[in-house]
Structure formats: C-alpha cells, structure tokens
C-alpha cells in the first residue's frame, strides 16, 4: 500500500507535465488556424466592399460631367428626353415616373400575393402540400428575366391588346405584371422565414389563453414577424425597380409620363440598356446615361437603407419583446 501511495503522485505529476507539453503545440496550431481563417474571410469581405466602391466611383466619374451641360434640376425634372436631337434634351423625369409607377403597380400585385402565400405555406398548408408548393413558387426565381419578358411579349401583350382594345399590349401594366412574377419568390421566401422564426412559445401562449388559430395568426404571429416581412417586401421592390430586361421588352419604350396603366413607358433601366450601345463614347449622351444610372443607384440604395432601418426598428430579440 505504501508503494502505491508513492507511485500515484508521481504518475499524476507525469500526466500533468505530459498534458502541458502536448497542449502548447496544439494551442498554437489552433490559434494559427483561427487567425488564418479570420484573415481569409476578412479579405473576402474587404474585396467585396472594394469592388462595390470602385463601381460606385466609376459610375460617378462617368455621370457627373453631364452637369456641365445641364443643371441638376433640368436633368431630374425635365420632361423631355431627346438626347440625339439638336439641341439635345436630357430630362429624365418621365423615366423616373415610369420606374416608380411600374414598381408601385408591381408592389400592389406582388406584396399581397407573396405575403399571403408565405402565410399559407408556413401556417395553414399541410406539410406535404407545402413541400410541393414551395419549390414551385421559388422556381419563378430561377427563370431568366429574358424568358419572363418573352412571355410578356408573346402571351400577355396580345391578350391585353385584344381584351382592352388598346393600340399595344406593351405598356406599364404588362411590365408591372411581369415584375411582380419576379418579386413574388423573394417576398414569399423571406416572409416565410420570418414567420418560421417566431418563437413557438408565443403561439402556444396565445392558444393557451383561448385565442383561435386565426386570432393567433393575425394578432401574434404577423406582428412578431413584421420586421422580416417588411424587409422582404422592400428587397423585392428594390429588385423590381432595378430590373432591366423585362421592362426593356414589355414596357413599350416610350419616354413619356404615363396617364393610365395601358400607356407605354420607358423606365430608367430600359433606357440605359437600349441606348448605351448607340451613345458615342464620352459624349453628352454617354454621360447622361451614366447620370441616369446614378439616380437609379440612389433609388436602390434608399430602398436598402429603409429595409435596414425597419429590420433594426422592429427586430424581435426575445419572446417577451412584443
């Protein structure tokens, strides 16, 4: 017994010494790995920011020279866009109005459709039905914009022309309808994720207090997920206002202020895409198109700032935050 008592302390000391000796290299190797991974991800994030910054600098460098020819108010609020006439007119107000109108009409279609689809898939649909419908809805996001535009030209435009007896089916309503098809997957997917993220305890507590499923859905689940739903809506609309191919194909291409849903229009992205190839390099027309891109960039930036503000203002941080 005495021998055992003398061996045990010696063995324990050896084990502790052995662990310390082995732990130092392992700790150093782990720290080096963590540092390498941290540097890698920081470099990737920095590269993304740098690329975006360089694009923004190039956009402003190529767009600001137009203001040596026209004033800012003439450019933004001018009602005539004739960049190749003599003298040229560089008023983009009809393009701005067309972009806003197409986006608003698209929002009136896509927001109810996307949010209600998300509510149905998250709370009302059978699990098997949801597993089938969700990929079908998200399949719209995989469709190329040129395919949606071609559908609007070949199918929707003749239908509108024949049904309403109008001169052309390539108009504001056709463009808004096609853009709503593109916005629904974004709104639906993000809204569904926001609804799923609501804590189960809130729903169970509402049901335990005697509320029905519909009352729980309207008064508990939707208010708790309003931050994510609002962000989904604004991001979907920011995609709509910046879409190029669809509005180029089905909006009609007329640089005029619309007076009805059936008027042909030319949003800012369509004007840039249609005219950039024929604009002389570093000419006034060239600079005016880049300045139009600056305005479009500011619109998209505003949408994202509003989305970020809403997400932070109505963020739910806990089950008792309601």
Protein backbone atom coordinates (compact mmCIF):
# COMPACT_ATOMS: atom_id res chain seq x y z
CA UNK A 1 0.00 0.00 0.00
CA UNK A 2 2.83 2.37 0.76
CA UNK A 3 4.32 1.70 -2.64
CA UNK A 4 1.03 2.55 -4.34
CA UNK A 5 0.77 5.80 -2.46
CA UNK A 6 4.24 6.79 -3.58
CA UNK A 7 3.58 5.86 -7.25
CA UNK A 8 0.26 7.68 -7.64
CA UNK A 9 1.57 11.20 -7.03
CA UNK A 10 4.48 10.52 -9.35
CA UNK A 11 2.14 9.25 -12.08
CA UNK A 12 -0.22 12.22 -11.68
CA UNK A 13 2.65 14.67 -11.94
CA UNK A 14 3.91 12.97 -15.08
CA UNK A 15 0.43 13.10 -16.62
CA UNK A 16 0.04 16.82 -15.91
CA UNK A 17 3.51 17.53 -17.28
CA UNK A 18 2.82 15.46 -20.39
CA UNK A 19 -0.51 17.28 -20.98
CA UNK A 20 1.10 20.70 -20.67
CA UNK A 21 3.86 19.78 -23.08
CA UNK A 22 1.39 18.49 -25.68
CA UNK A 23 -1.15 21.28 -25.14
CA UNK A 24 1.22 24.09 -26.11
CA UNK A 25 1.79 22.99 -29.74
CA UNK A 26 -1.90 22.09 -30.17
CA UNK A 27 -2.99 25.50 -28.86
CA UNK A 28 -0.53 27.34 -31.08
CA UNK A 29 -1.64 25.37 -34.15
CA UNK A 30 -5.30 26.07 -33.40
CA UNK A 31 -4.62 29.77 -32.93
CA UNK A 32 -2.75 29.92 -36.23
CA UNK A 33 -5.63 28.16 -37.98
CA UNK A 34 -8.21 30.51 -36.46
CA UNK A 35 -6.13 33.51 -37.41
CA UNK A 36 -5.74 32.26 -40.99
CA UNK A 37 -9.47 31.67 -41.36
CA UNK A 38 -10.22 35.09 -39.88
CA UNK A 39 -7.82 36.78 -42.30
CA UNK A 40 -9.30 34.87 -45.24
CA UNK A 41 -12.88 35.90 -44.51
CA UNK A 42 -11.81 39.48 -43.79
CA UNK A 43 -10.05 39.59 -47.16
CA UNK A 44 -13.14 38.29 -48.97
CA UNK A 45 -15.37 40.86 -47.25
CA UNK A 46 -12.87 43.63 -47.95
CA UNK A 47 -12.67 42.62 -51.62
CA UNK A 48 -16.46 42.79 -51.94
CA UNK A 49 -16.55 46.25 -50.40
CA UNK A 50 -13.64 47.42 -52.55
CA UNK A 51 -15.29 46.19 -55.77
CA UNK A 52 -18.56 47.91 -54.88
CA UNK A 53 -16.68 51.12 -54.02
CA UNK A 54 -14.79 51.07 -57.34
CA UNK A 55 -18.01 50.53 -59.29
CA UNK A 56 -19.60 53.46 -57.45
CA UNK A 57 -16.57 55.69 -58.12
CA UNK A 58 -16.61 54.78 -61.83
CA UNK A 59 -20.34 55.46 -62.02
CA UNK A 60 -19.98 58.93 -60.54
CA UNK A 61 -16.89 59.74 -62.61
CA UNK A 62 -18.73 58.95 -65.84
CA UNK A 63 -22.05 60.51 -64.85
CA UNK A 64 -21.19 63.83 -63.23
CA UNK A 65 -19.73 65.53 -66.38
CA UNK A 66 -23.25 65.86 -67.85
CA UNK A 67 -23.98 68.56 -65.29
CA UNK A 68 -21.57 70.85 -67.12
CA UNK A 69 -24.18 70.92 -69.90
CA UNK A 70 -27.42 70.92 -67.90
CA UNK A 71 -28.30 71.79 -64.33
CA UNK A 72 -29.37 69.19 -61.81
CA UNK A 73 -32.95 70.46 -61.77
CA UNK A 74 -33.15 70.41 -65.57
CA UNK A 75 -31.83 66.87 -65.65
CA UNK A 76 -34.05 65.46 -62.90
CA UNK A 77 -37.25 67.44 -63.55
CA UNK A 78 -37.01 67.95 -67.31
CA UNK A 79 -40.00 66.48 -69.20
CA UNK A 80 -38.27 65.72 -72.50
CA UNK A 81 -35.71 63.02 -73.22
CA UNK A 82 -34.29 63.58 -76.71
CA UNK A 83 -30.55 63.01 -76.28
CA UNK A 84 -29.79 62.83 -80.03
CA UNK A 85 -31.72 65.89 -81.18
CA UNK A 86 -30.13 69.27 -81.88
CA UNK A 87 -30.06 70.77 -79.32
CA UNK A 88 -30.48 67.69 -77.12
CA UNK A 89 -32.88 67.42 -74.19
CA UNK A 90 -31.74 65.46 -71.14
CA UNK A 91 -34.80 65.45 -68.91
CA UNK A 92 -35.25 62.12 -67.14
CA UNK A 93 -38.42 62.97 -65.20
CA UNK A 94 -40.58 60.71 -67.45
CA UNK A 95 -38.08 57.89 -66.87
CA UNK A 96 -38.20 58.39 -63.10
CA UNK A 97 -42.01 58.50 -63.08
CA UNK A 98 -42.13 55.35 -65.23
CA UNK A 99 -39.78 53.48 -62.89
CA UNK A 100 -41.76 54.50 -59.79
CA UNK A 101 -45.11 53.73 -61.42
CA UNK A 102 -44.03 50.29 -62.62
CA UNK A 103 -42.59 49.49 -59.18
CA UNK A 104 -45.73 50.65 -57.31
CA UNK A 105 -48.13 48.73 -59.55
CA UNK A 106 -45.87 45.69 -59.26
CA UNK A 107 -45.93 46.08 -55.47
CA UNK A 108 -49.74 46.16 -55.44
CA UNK A 109 -49.73 42.76 -57.14
CA UNK A 110 -46.71 41.02 -55.62
CA UNK A 111 -46.96 42.07 -51.94
CA UNK A 112 -50.40 40.54 -51.19
CA UNK A 113 -49.61 37.50 -53.32
CA UNK A 114 -46.17 36.92 -51.79
CA UNK A 115 -47.13 37.54 -48.14
CA UNK A 116 -50.35 35.53 -48.27
CA UNK A 117 -48.53 32.66 -49.98
CA UNK A 118 -45.90 32.75 -47.23
CA UNK A 119 -48.58 32.72 -44.51
CA UNK A 120 -50.33 29.80 -46.17
CA UNK A 121 -47.15 27.75 -46.59
CA UNK A 122 -45.91 28.47 -43.04
CA UNK A 123 -49.12 28.17 -41.02
CA UNK A 124 -52.06 26.78 -42.97
CA UNK A 125 -50.86 24.31 -45.58
CA UNK A 126 -50.39 20.61 -44.92
CA UNK A 127 -46.75 19.66 -44.65
CA UNK A 128 -46.80 17.62 -47.85
CA UNK A 129 -48.61 20.37 -49.74
CA UNK A 130 -46.06 22.93 -48.53
CA UNK A 131 -43.19 20.69 -49.64
CA UNK A 132 -44.65 20.67 -53.15
CA UNK A 133 -45.75 24.30 -53.43
CA UNK A 134 -42.66 25.98 -52.01
CA UNK A 135 -40.27 24.71 -54.74
CA UNK A 136 -42.85 25.66 -57.37
CA UNK A 137 -43.02 29.25 -56.06
CA UNK A 138 -39.25 29.51 -55.80
CA UNK A 139 -38.92 28.14 -59.32
CA UNK A 140 -40.01 31.57 -60.55
CA UNK A 141 -36.76 32.97 -59.17
CA UNK A 142 -34.81 30.54 -61.35
CA UNK A 143 -36.49 31.71 -64.55
CA UNK A 144 -34.24 34.06 -66.55
CA UNK A 145 -35.63 37.56 -66.89
CA UNK A 146 -35.46 37.30 -70.67
CA UNK A 147 -37.83 34.30 -70.53
CA UNK A 148 -40.33 36.26 -68.43
CA UNK A 149 -40.01 39.19 -70.82
CA UNK A 150 -40.56 36.92 -73.81
CA UNK A 151 -43.68 35.51 -72.12
CA UNK A 152 -44.96 39.04 -71.62
CA UNK A 153 -44.34 39.91 -75.28
CA UNK A 154 -45.80 36.77 -76.84
CA UNK A 155 -48.65 35.86 -74.47
CA UNK A 156 -49.62 38.76 -72.20
CA UNK A 157 -49.27 41.64 -74.71
CA UNK A 158 -51.67 40.18 -77.35
CA UNK A 159 -54.12 39.26 -74.57
CA UNK A 160 -54.15 42.82 -73.18
CA UNK A 161 -54.40 44.32 -76.65
CA UNK A 162 -57.37 42.13 -77.58
CA UNK A 163 -59.16 42.35 -74.24
CA UNK A 164 -58.95 46.10 -73.67
CA UNK A 165 -58.89 47.19 -77.32
CA UNK A 166 -55.68 49.20 -76.95
CA UNK A 167 -53.07 50.06 -79.56
CA UNK A 168 -50.32 47.97 -77.97
CA UNK A 169 -50.03 45.44 -75.20
CA UNK A 170 -46.50 46.57 -74.39
CA UNK A 171 -47.30 49.01 -71.61
CA UNK A 172 -46.96 49.88 -67.94
CA UNK A 173 -49.38 47.20 -66.72
CA UNK A 174 -47.67 44.43 -68.68
CA UNK A 175 -44.26 45.43 -67.26
CA UNK A 176 -45.63 45.63 -63.71
CA UNK A 177 -47.26 42.21 -64.06
CA UNK A 178 -44.04 40.60 -65.23
CA UNK A 179 -42.03 42.31 -62.47
CA UNK A 180 -44.49 41.06 -59.87
CA UNK A 181 -43.80 37.50 -61.04
CA UNK A 182 -40.11 38.14 -60.37
CA UNK A 183 -40.69 39.74 -56.96
CA UNK A 184 -43.03 37.09 -55.53
CA UNK A 185 -40.32 34.43 -54.85
CA UNK A 186 -38.17 36.92 -52.90
CA UNK A 187 -41.10 38.24 -50.85
CA UNK A 188 -42.54 34.78 -50.25
CA UNK A 189 -39.28 33.08 -49.22
CA UNK A 190 -38.09 35.81 -46.85
CA UNK A 191 -41.56 36.29 -45.35
CA UNK A 192 -41.89 32.57 -44.75
CA UNK A 193 -38.52 32.51 -42.98
CA UNK A 194 -39.64 35.45 -40.82
CA UNK A 195 -42.86 33.66 -39.87
CA UNK A 196 -40.97 30.45 -39.05
CA UNK A 197 -38.60 32.41 -36.80
CA UNK A 198 -41.39 33.50 -34.45
CA UNK A 199 -40.86 31.62 -31.14
CA UNK A 200 -43.22 28.71 -30.66
CA UNK A 201 -43.86 29.86 -27.06
CA UNK A 202 -45.69 32.95 -28.36
CA UNK A 203 -48.04 30.87 -30.46
CA UNK A 204 -48.62 28.30 -27.74
CA UNK A 205 -49.21 31.04 -25.16
CA UNK A 206 -51.84 32.67 -27.37
CA UNK A 207 -53.62 29.38 -27.96
CA UNK A 208 -53.43 28.56 -24.24
CA UNK A 209 -55.22 31.83 -23.42
CA UNK A 210 -58.13 30.80 -25.63
CA UNK A 211 -57.34 32.54 -28.91
CA UNK A 212 -58.25 30.79 -32.14
CA UNK A 213 -55.72 29.91 -34.81
CA UNK A 214 -56.77 32.90 -36.93
CA UNK A 215 -56.57 35.30 -33.97
CA UNK A 216 -53.13 33.95 -33.11
CA UNK A 217 -52.02 34.34 -36.70
CA UNK A 218 -53.27 37.92 -37.07
CA UNK A 219 -52.52 39.31 -33.60
CA UNK A 220 -49.39 37.39 -32.59
CA UNK A 221 -47.51 35.74 -35.47
CA UNK A 222 -47.76 38.51 -38.08
CA UNK A 223 -46.87 41.36 -35.66
CA UNK A 224 -43.92 39.32 -34.38
CA UNK A 225 -42.64 38.77 -37.91
CA UNK A 226 -43.32 42.26 -39.27
CA UNK A 227 -39.61 43.10 -39.37
CA UNK A 228 -38.71 40.22 -41.68
CA UNK A 229 -41.82 40.69 -43.81
CA UNK A 230 -41.12 44.41 -44.27
CA UNK A 231 -37.53 43.66 -45.24
CA UNK A 232 -38.71 41.03 -47.73
CA UNK A 233 -41.14 43.50 -49.32
CA UNK A 234 -38.58 46.27 -49.72
CA UNK A 235 -35.90 43.94 -51.08
CA UNK A 236 -38.39 42.54 -53.56
CA UNK A 237 -39.29 46.07 -54.68
CA UNK A 238 -35.63 47.06 -54.97
CA UNK A 239 -35.17 44.14 -57.37
CA UNK A 240 -38.19 45.31 -59.36
CA UNK A 241 -37.00 48.90 -59.71
CA UNK A 242 -33.58 47.79 -60.95
CA UNK A 243 -34.74 45.11 -63.38
CA UNK A 244 -33.65 45.78 -66.96
CA UNK A 245 -34.51 43.05 -69.44
CA UNK A 246 -38.20 42.68 -68.60
CA UNK A 247 -39.02 46.39 -68.79
CA UNK A 248 -36.91 46.72 -71.93
CA UNK A 249 -39.01 44.05 -73.64
CA UNK A 250 -42.56 44.73 -72.44
CA UNK A 251 -42.81 48.34 -71.17
CA UNK A 252 -43.24 49.87 -74.63
CA UNK A 253 -40.18 52.11 -74.71
CA UNK A 254 -41.94 55.50 -74.84
CA UNK A 255 -40.20 58.22 -72.81
CA UNK A 256 -43.42 59.90 -71.69
CA UNK A 257 -45.24 60.49 -68.42
CA UNK A 258 -47.97 57.81 -68.18
CA UNK A 259 -51.57 58.84 -67.66
CA UNK A 260 -53.03 55.32 -67.40
CA UNK A 261 -51.94 51.75 -66.80
CA UNK A 262 -52.15 50.99 -70.52
CA UNK A 263 -49.67 53.68 -71.62
CA UNK A 264 -46.26 52.59 -72.94
CA UNK A 265 -43.42 53.78 -70.72
CA UNK A 266 -39.63 53.68 -70.54
CA UNK A 267 -38.17 53.11 -67.05
CA UNK A 268 -34.60 54.13 -66.29
CA UNK A 269 -33.00 50.65 -66.62
CA UNK A 270 -34.65 50.14 -70.03
CA UNK A 271 -33.39 53.50 -71.28
CA UNK A 272 -29.82 52.75 -70.20
CA UNK A 273 -29.83 49.29 -71.78
CA UNK A 274 -31.45 50.43 -75.03
CA UNK A 275 -29.29 53.50 -75.67
CA UNK A 276 -25.84 52.74 -74.25
CA UNK A 277 -24.73 50.86 -77.37
CA UNK A 278 -25.54 53.78 -79.67
CA UNK A 279 -24.19 56.57 -77.44
CA UNK A 280 -20.84 57.99 -78.52
CA UNK A 281 -18.06 57.27 -76.06
CA UNK A 282 -17.55 60.11 -73.58
CA UNK A 283 -20.21 62.16 -75.33
CA UNK A 284 -23.08 64.04 -73.70
CA UNK A 285 -25.48 61.16 -74.36
CA UNK A 286 -23.00 58.75 -72.77
CA UNK A 287 -22.62 60.94 -69.69
CA UNK A 288 -26.41 61.39 -69.41
CA UNK A 289 -26.95 57.62 -69.34
CA UNK A 290 -24.39 57.21 -66.58
CA UNK A 291 -26.05 60.05 -64.66
CA UNK A 292 -29.34 58.15 -65.04
CA UNK A 293 -27.52 55.16 -63.56
CA UNK A 294 -26.53 57.33 -60.58
CA UNK A 295 -30.19 58.20 -59.97
CA UNK A 296 -31.12 54.51 -60.23
CA UNK A 297 -28.30 53.62 -57.84
CA UNK A 298 -29.57 56.18 -55.31
CA UNK A 299 -33.10 54.76 -55.56
CA UNK A 300 -31.84 51.23 -54.87
CA UNK A 301 -29.64 52.49 -52.03
CA UNK A 302 -32.65 54.25 -50.49
CA UNK A 303 -34.68 51.03 -50.63
CA UNK A 304 -31.93 49.11 -48.85
CA UNK A 305 -31.48 51.80 -46.17
CA UNK A 306 -35.22 51.72 -45.46
CA UNK A 307 -35.13 47.91 -45.27
CA UNK A 308 -32.21 48.01 -42.83
CA UNK A 309 -33.94 50.65 -40.69
CA UNK A 310 -37.17 48.66 -40.50
CA UNK A 311 -35.29 45.45 -39.70
CA UNK A 312 -33.50 47.13 -36.77
CA UNK A 313 -36.51 49.10 -35.53
CA UNK A 314 -38.90 46.16 -35.33
CA UNK A 315 -36.37 43.46 -34.59
CA UNK A 316 -37.62 40.87 -32.12
CA UNK A 317 -34.90 39.99 -29.63
CA UNK A 318 -36.81 37.68 -27.35
CA UNK A 319 -40.11 36.01 -26.63
CA UNK A 320 -41.21 38.89 -24.41
CA UNK A 321 -40.30 41.64 -26.85
CA UNK A 322 -43.85 42.01 -28.10
